[in-house]
């Protein structure tokens, strides 16, 4: 969906959303790939998430994240950390 991806090389994307897909940088406290439950924080309203309660958890399995050229296209964010244990939830 984005202009370019750096997943195992450099690849031209569809260009539907201006921006790029980049790999998480290696850090001592950051597991890559990220696999687990994280809470979404809604940024901009979207009919896609209209029926999703605030603070809902979603399951992730990835090593990359998107960096849109225009941040107004972002509808939700999640932090790549051990959010489930930190928030004391097992959902």
N, C-alpha and C. Protein backbone atom coordinates (compact mmCIF):
# COMPACT_ATOMS: atom_id res chain seq x y z
N UNK A 1 0.82 -1.20 0.00
CA UNK A 1 0.00 0.00 0.00
C UNK A 1 0.87 1.28 0.00
N UNK A 2 2.10 1.19 0.51
CA UNK A 2 2.98 2.36 0.62
C UNK A 2 3.89 2.47 -0.60
N UNK A 3 4.64 3.58 -0.68
CA UNK A 3 5.52 3.84 -1.82
C UNK A 3 6.67 2.86 -1.93
N UNK A 4 7.28 2.55 -0.78
CA UNK A 4 8.48 1.72 -0.79
C UNK A 4 8.51 0.87 0.48
N UNK A 5 9.13 -0.32 0.35
CA UNK A 5 9.31 -1.20 1.50
C UNK A 5 10.76 -1.65 1.52
N UNK A 6 11.30 -1.80 2.73
CA UNK A 6 12.67 -2.26 2.91
C UNK A 6 12.68 -3.66 3.52
N UNK A 7 11.70 -4.47 3.14
CA UNK A 7 11.60 -5.84 3.63
C UNK A 7 12.47 -6.74 2.76
N UNK A 8 13.65 -7.10 3.30
CA UNK A 8 14.60 -7.95 2.58
C UNK A 8 15.00 -7.35 1.24
N UNK A 9 15.38 -6.08 1.27
CA UNK A 9 15.76 -5.35 0.06
C UNK A 9 14.97 -4.06 -0.02
N UNK A 10 15.00 -3.44 -1.17
CA UNK A 10 14.21 -2.23 -1.42
C UNK A 10 13.22 -2.55 -2.53
N UNK A 11 11.93 -2.33 -2.23
CA UNK A 11 10.89 -2.71 -3.16
C UNK A 11 9.91 -1.57 -3.39
N UNK A 12 9.53 -1.37 -4.63
CA UNK A 12 8.52 -0.37 -4.95
C UNK A 12 7.16 -0.90 -4.53
N UNK A 13 6.40 -0.04 -3.85
CA UNK A 13 5.07 -0.41 -3.41
C UNK A 13 4.00 0.08 -4.37
N UNK A 14 2.75 -0.05 -3.96
CA UNK A 14 1.63 0.38 -4.80
C UNK A 14 1.46 1.90 -4.81
N UNK A 15 1.93 2.58 -3.78
CA UNK A 15 1.83 4.03 -3.75
C UNK A 15 0.44 4.55 -3.42
N UNK A 16 -0.41 3.72 -2.85
CA UNK A 16 -1.75 4.16 -2.47
C UNK A 16 -1.65 5.16 -1.31
N UNK A 17 -0.75 4.87 -0.37
CA UNK A 17 -0.50 5.76 0.77
C UNK A 17 0.96 6.18 0.69
N UNK A 18 1.24 7.49 0.58
CA UNK A 18 2.64 7.93 0.53
C UNK A 18 3.37 7.60 1.83
N UNK A 19 4.53 6.97 1.70
CA UNK A 19 5.34 6.64 2.86
C UNK A 19 6.11 5.37 2.62
N UNK A 20 6.68 4.83 3.71
CA UNK A 20 7.53 3.65 3.56
C UNK A 20 7.33 2.65 4.69
N UNK A 21 7.77 1.43 4.45
CA UNK A 21 7.72 0.35 5.42
C UNK A 21 9.16 0.07 5.82
N UNK A 22 9.48 0.23 7.12
CA UNK A 22 10.86 0.08 7.59
C UNK A 22 10.94 -0.95 8.71
N UNK A 23 12.13 -1.52 8.90
CA UNK A 23 12.35 -2.54 9.92
C UNK A 23 12.61 -1.87 11.27
N UNK A 24 12.13 -2.50 12.34
CA UNK A 24 12.48 -2.04 13.68
C UNK A 24 14.00 -2.09 13.83
N UNK A 25 14.57 -1.08 14.46
CA UNK A 25 16.01 -1.05 14.72
C UNK A 25 16.32 -1.97 15.90
N UNK A 26 17.41 -2.70 15.81
CA UNK A 26 17.82 -3.57 16.91
C UNK A 26 18.13 -2.74 18.15
N UNK A 27 17.54 -3.11 19.26
CA UNK A 27 17.77 -2.49 20.55
C UNK A 27 17.80 -3.60 21.58
N UNK A 28 18.59 -3.46 22.64
CA UNK A 28 18.71 -4.52 23.63
C UNK A 28 17.38 -4.96 24.26
N UNK A 29 16.45 -4.03 24.44
CA UNK A 29 15.19 -4.36 25.10
C UNK A 29 14.02 -4.54 24.14
N UNK A 30 14.30 -4.71 22.84
CA UNK A 30 13.26 -4.79 21.83
C UNK A 30 13.34 -6.12 21.10
N UNK A 31 12.32 -6.97 21.24
CA UNK A 31 12.31 -8.26 20.57
C UNK A 31 11.83 -8.08 19.13
N UNK A 32 12.60 -8.64 18.20
CA UNK A 32 12.24 -8.61 16.79
C UNK A 32 12.34 -10.05 16.29
N UNK A 33 11.30 -10.62 15.72
CA UNK A 33 10.03 -9.97 15.42
C UNK A 33 9.19 -9.74 16.67
N UNK A 34 8.34 -8.75 16.59
CA UNK A 34 7.39 -8.47 17.66
C UNK A 34 6.23 -9.43 17.49
N UNK A 35 6.01 -10.26 18.50
CA UNK A 35 4.89 -11.20 18.47
C UNK A 35 4.18 -11.08 19.81
N UNK A 36 2.94 -10.63 19.79
CA UNK A 36 2.18 -10.54 21.03
C UNK A 36 1.05 -9.53 20.97
N UNK A 37 0.41 -9.38 22.13
CA UNK A 37 -0.76 -8.51 22.27
C UNK A 37 -0.33 -7.10 22.66
N UNK A 38 -0.90 -6.11 21.99
CA UNK A 38 -0.67 -4.71 22.32
C UNK A 38 -1.97 -3.93 22.23
N UNK A 39 -2.04 -2.91 23.05
CA UNK A 39 -3.21 -2.02 23.08
C UNK A 39 -3.08 -0.99 21.96
N UNK A 40 -4.20 -0.73 21.30
CA UNK A 40 -4.23 0.33 20.29
C UNK A 40 -4.65 1.64 20.92
N UNK A 41 -3.99 2.70 20.51
CA UNK A 41 -4.39 4.06 20.88
C UNK A 41 -4.92 4.72 19.62
N UNK A 42 -6.20 5.12 19.63
CA UNK A 42 -6.80 5.74 18.46
C UNK A 42 -6.30 7.17 18.33
N UNK A 43 -5.91 7.53 17.11
CA UNK A 43 -5.35 8.85 16.85
C UNK A 43 -6.36 9.72 16.11
N UNK A 44 -6.84 9.25 14.99
CA UNK A 44 -7.82 9.97 14.18
C UNK A 44 -9.05 9.09 14.01
N UNK A 45 -10.20 9.66 13.97
CA UNK A 45 -11.43 8.88 13.81
C UNK A 45 -11.44 8.11 12.51
N UNK A 46 -12.01 6.92 12.54
CA UNK A 46 -12.13 6.10 11.33
C UNK A 46 -13.36 5.21 11.46
N UNK A 47 -14.14 5.11 10.40
CA UNK A 47 -15.30 4.23 10.43
C UNK A 47 -14.87 2.77 10.53
N UNK A 48 -13.66 2.46 10.11
CA UNK A 48 -13.13 1.11 10.19
C UNK A 48 -13.06 0.62 11.64
N UNK A 49 -12.78 1.52 12.58
CA UNK A 49 -12.65 1.15 13.99
C UNK A 49 -13.79 1.69 14.85
N UNK A 50 -14.87 2.10 14.23
CA UNK A 50 -15.97 2.74 14.95
C UNK A 50 -16.55 1.87 16.07
N UNK A 51 -16.60 0.57 15.87
CA UNK A 51 -17.20 -0.32 16.87
C UNK A 51 -16.17 -0.98 17.79
N UNK A 52 -14.91 -0.57 17.68
CA UNK A 52 -13.85 -1.13 18.52
C UNK A 52 -13.71 -0.26 19.77
N UNK A 53 -13.86 -0.84 20.96
CA UNK A 53 -13.74 -0.05 22.18
C UNK A 53 -12.33 0.51 22.37
N UNK A 54 -12.25 1.70 22.91
CA UNK A 54 -10.96 2.31 23.22
C UNK A 54 -10.18 1.39 24.14
N UNK A 55 -8.89 1.28 23.91
CA UNK A 55 -8.04 0.44 24.75
C UNK A 55 -8.05 -1.03 24.40
N UNK A 56 -8.64 -1.40 23.27
CA UNK A 56 -8.69 -2.80 22.87
C UNK A 56 -7.29 -3.31 22.53
N UNK A 57 -7.11 -4.61 22.75
CA UNK A 57 -5.85 -5.26 22.42
C UNK A 57 -5.95 -5.94 21.05
N UNK A 58 -4.85 -5.92 20.31
CA UNK A 58 -4.74 -6.59 19.02
C UNK A 58 -3.48 -7.43 19.03
N UNK A 59 -3.48 -8.52 18.27
CA UNK A 59 -2.34 -9.41 18.21
C UNK A 59 -1.46 -9.02 17.03
N UNK A 60 -0.17 -8.92 17.27
CA UNK A 60 0.79 -8.53 16.24
C UNK A 60 1.83 -9.62 16.05
N UNK A 61 2.31 -9.75 14.83
CA UNK A 61 3.43 -10.61 14.49
C UNK A 61 4.17 -9.96 13.33
N UNK A 62 5.19 -9.15 13.63
CA UNK A 62 5.85 -8.39 12.56
C UNK A 62 7.23 -7.90 12.99
N UNK A 63 8.03 -7.51 12.00
CA UNK A 63 9.36 -6.94 12.22
C UNK A 63 9.48 -5.55 11.61
N UNK A 64 8.39 -5.09 10.99
CA UNK A 64 8.39 -3.82 10.26
C UNK A 64 7.23 -2.94 10.71
N UNK A 65 7.36 -1.66 10.44
CA UNK A 65 6.28 -0.71 10.73
C UNK A 65 6.23 0.32 9.61
N UNK A 66 5.13 1.02 9.52
CA UNK A 66 4.97 2.00 8.44
C UNK A 66 5.28 3.41 8.94
N UNK A 67 5.82 4.20 8.02
CA UNK A 67 6.09 5.61 8.27
C UNK A 67 5.42 6.39 7.14
N UNK A 68 4.17 6.83 7.37
CA UNK A 68 3.48 7.57 6.31
C UNK A 68 4.05 8.97 6.16
N UNK A 69 4.03 9.49 4.95
CA UNK A 69 4.48 10.86 4.71
C UNK A 69 3.55 11.87 5.36
N UNK A 70 2.28 11.54 5.44
CA UNK A 70 1.26 12.41 6.02
C UNK A 70 0.66 11.71 7.24
N UNK A 71 0.96 12.20 8.43
CA UNK A 71 0.49 11.53 9.65
C UNK A 71 -1.02 11.59 9.85
N UNK A 72 -1.73 12.36 9.05
CA UNK A 72 -3.19 12.40 9.20
C UNK A 72 -3.84 11.11 8.71
N UNK A 73 -3.10 10.24 8.02
CA UNK A 73 -3.66 8.96 7.59
C UNK A 73 -3.62 7.92 8.70
N UNK A 74 -2.94 8.22 9.79
CA UNK A 74 -2.84 7.28 10.91
C UNK A 74 -4.14 7.30 11.70
N UNK A 75 -4.73 6.12 11.89
CA UNK A 75 -5.96 6.04 12.68
C UNK A 75 -5.72 5.44 14.06
N UNK A 76 -4.62 4.71 14.22
CA UNK A 76 -4.30 4.10 15.52
C UNK A 76 -2.80 3.84 15.60
N UNK A 77 -2.31 3.79 16.83
CA UNK A 77 -0.90 3.49 17.08
C UNK A 77 -0.80 2.45 18.18
N UNK A 78 0.32 1.77 18.19
CA UNK A 78 0.60 0.82 19.25
C UNK A 78 2.09 0.88 19.55
N UNK A 79 2.43 0.69 20.80
CA UNK A 79 3.84 0.70 21.19
C UNK A 79 4.36 -0.73 21.16
N UNK A 80 5.54 -0.92 20.61
CA UNK A 80 6.16 -2.25 20.56
C UNK A 80 6.97 -2.47 21.84
N UNK A 81 6.30 -2.95 22.83
CA UNK A 81 6.89 -3.33 24.13
C UNK A 81 6.00 -4.41 24.72
N UNK A 82 6.30 -4.84 25.92
CA UNK A 82 5.50 -5.88 26.57
C UNK A 82 4.30 -5.23 27.23
N UNK A 83 3.39 -4.69 26.40
CA UNK A 83 2.25 -3.92 26.88
C UNK A 83 1.32 -4.74 27.76
N UNK A 84 1.11 -6.00 27.43
CA UNK A 84 0.16 -6.82 28.18
C UNK A 84 0.59 -6.93 29.63
N UNK A 85 1.81 -7.32 29.88
CA UNK A 85 2.27 -7.45 31.26
C UNK A 85 2.32 -6.10 31.96
N UNK A 86 2.75 -5.08 31.24
CA UNK A 86 2.87 -3.77 31.85
C UNK A 86 1.52 -3.22 32.30
N UNK A 87 0.47 -3.50 31.53
CA UNK A 87 -0.87 -3.03 31.89
C UNK A 87 -1.63 -4.02 32.76
N UNK A 88 -1.02 -5.17 33.04
CA UNK A 88 -1.64 -6.14 33.92
C UNK A 88 -2.87 -6.83 33.34
N UNK A 89 -3.00 -6.87 32.03
CA UNK A 89 -4.15 -7.50 31.39
C UNK A 89 -3.73 -8.80 30.72
N UNK A 90 -4.64 -9.73 30.64
CA UNK A 90 -4.35 -10.98 29.93
C UNK A 90 -5.28 -11.18 28.75
N UNK A 91 -5.96 -10.13 28.32
CA UNK A 91 -6.87 -10.25 27.19
C UNK A 91 -6.13 -10.61 25.94
